[in-house]
Amino acid sequence: MSEVRIKRGEPIDKALRRLKKKMDKEGTLKDLRNRRYYEKPSEIKRRMEKRGGRH
């Protein structure tokens, strides 16, 4: 779970921007979007083969 401490007098916008950067760096949002719907293992395999076997 990502956490950002707000400094005294820091605007909320700036703290949100830092949180978004941190989550993007960790890949949290990308992972959530990929897990939004269940994907059968055969579908994952087919998608990987279509992309050339890269992850």
C-alpha atoms as a PDB file:
ATOM      1  CA  MET A   1       0.000   0.000   0.000  1.00  0.00           C
ATOM      2  CA  SER A   2       1.414   3.353  -1.039  1.00  0.00           C
ATOM      3  CA  GLU A   3       1.673   6.056   1.548  1.00  0.00           C
ATOM      4  CA  VAL A   4       2.632   9.705   1.332  1.00  0.00           C
ATOM      5  CA  ARG A   5       3.123  11.864   4.394  1.00  0.00           C
ATOM      6  CA  ILE A   6       1.838  15.411   4.065  1.00  0.00           C
ATOM      7  CA  LYS A   7       4.305  18.009   5.253  1.00  0.00           C
ATOM      8  CA  ARG A   8       3.152  20.900   7.418  1.00  0.00           C
ATOM      9  CA  GLY A   9       1.680  23.612   5.194  1.00  0.00           C
ATOM     10  CA  GLU A  10       1.927  21.498   2.021  1.00  0.00           C
ATOM     11  CA  PRO A  11      -0.963  21.858  -0.432  1.00  0.00           C
ATOM     12  CA  ILE A  12      -3.091  18.748  -0.957  1.00  0.00           C
ATOM     13  CA  ASP A  13      -2.582  19.009  -4.736  1.00  0.00           C
ATOM     14  CA  LYS A  14       1.163  18.610  -4.342  1.00  0.00           C
ATOM     15  CA  ALA A  15       0.750  15.599  -2.025  1.00  0.00           C
ATOM     16  CA  LEU A  16      -1.674  13.961  -4.486  1.00  0.00           C
ATOM     17  CA  ARG A  17       0.805  14.509  -7.307  1.00  0.00           C
ATOM     18  CA  ARG A  18       3.531  12.792  -5.234  1.00  0.00           C
ATOM     19  CA  LEU A  19       1.164   9.890  -4.479  1.00  0.00           C
ATOM     20  CA  LYS A  20       0.306   9.454  -8.163  1.00  0.00           C
ATOM     21  CA  LYS A  21       4.002   9.444  -9.127  1.00  0.00           C
ATOM     22  CA  LYS A  22       4.758   6.875  -6.449  1.00  0.00           C
ATOM     23  CA  MET A  23       1.887   4.615  -7.532  1.00  0.00           C
ATOM     24  CA  ASP A  24       2.931   4.915 -11.180  1.00  0.00           C
ATOM     25  CA  LYS A  25       6.503   3.982 -10.303  1.00  0.00           C
ATOM     26  CA  GLU A  26       5.303   0.924  -8.340  1.00  0.00           C
ATOM     27  CA  GLY A  27       2.923  -0.111 -11.130  1.00  0.00           C
ATOM     28  CA  THR A  28      -0.066  -0.181  -8.786  1.00  0.00           C
ATOM     29  CA  LEU A  29      -2.586   1.380 -11.174  1.00  0.00           C
ATOM     30  CA  LYS A  30      -1.492  -0.761 -14.111  1.00  0.00           C
ATOM     31  CA  ASP A  31      -1.905  -3.880 -11.971  1.00  0.00           C
ATOM     32  CA  LEU A  32      -5.376  -2.799 -10.841  1.00  0.00           C
ATOM     33  CA  ARG A  33      -6.499  -2.196 -14.412  1.00  0.00           C
ATOM     34  CA  ASN A  34      -5.228  -5.620 -15.451  1.00  0.00           C
ATOM     35  CA  ARG A  35      -7.074  -7.308 -12.582  1.00  0.00           C
ATOM     36  CA  ARG A  36     -10.370  -5.499 -13.125  1.00  0.00           C
ATOM     37  CA  TYR A  37     -11.813  -8.561 -14.852  1.00  0.00           C
ATOM     38  CA  TYR A  38     -10.883 -12.207 -14.439  1.00  0.00           C
ATOM     39  CA  GLU A  39      -8.833 -13.545 -17.304  1.00  0.00           C
ATOM     40  CA  LYS A  40      -8.580 -17.285 -17.804  1.00  0.00           C
ATOM     41  CA  PRO A  41      -5.051 -18.735 -17.985  1.00  0.00           C
ATOM     42  CA  SER A  42      -5.646 -19.770 -21.597  1.00  0.00           C
ATOM     43  CA  GLU A  43      -6.561 -16.166 -22.470  1.00  0.00           C
ATOM     44  CA  ILE A  44      -3.388 -14.905 -20.781  1.00  0.00           C
ATOM     45  CA  LYS A  45      -1.316 -17.422 -22.742  1.00  0.00           C
ATOM     46  CA  ARG A  46      -3.011 -16.440 -26.013  1.00  0.00           C
ATOM     47  CA  ARG A  47      -2.439 -12.737 -25.330  1.00  0.00           C
ATOM     48  CA  MET A  48       1.233 -13.343 -24.503  1.00  0.00           C
ATOM     49  CA  GLU A  49       1.775 -15.358 -27.687  1.00  0.00           C
ATOM     50  CA  LYS A  50       0.091 -12.628 -29.719  1.00  0.00           C
ATOM     51  CA  ARG A  51       2.479 -10.015 -28.242  1.00  0.00           C
ATOM     52  CA  GLY A  52       5.483 -12.167 -29.064  1.00  0.00           C
ATOM     53  CA  GLY A  53       5.993 -13.828 -25.698  1.00  0.00           C
ATOM     54  CA  ARG A  54       7.022 -10.659 -23.894  1.00  0.00           C
ATOM     55  CA  HIS A  55       5.604  -9.767 -20.479  1.00  0.00           C
END
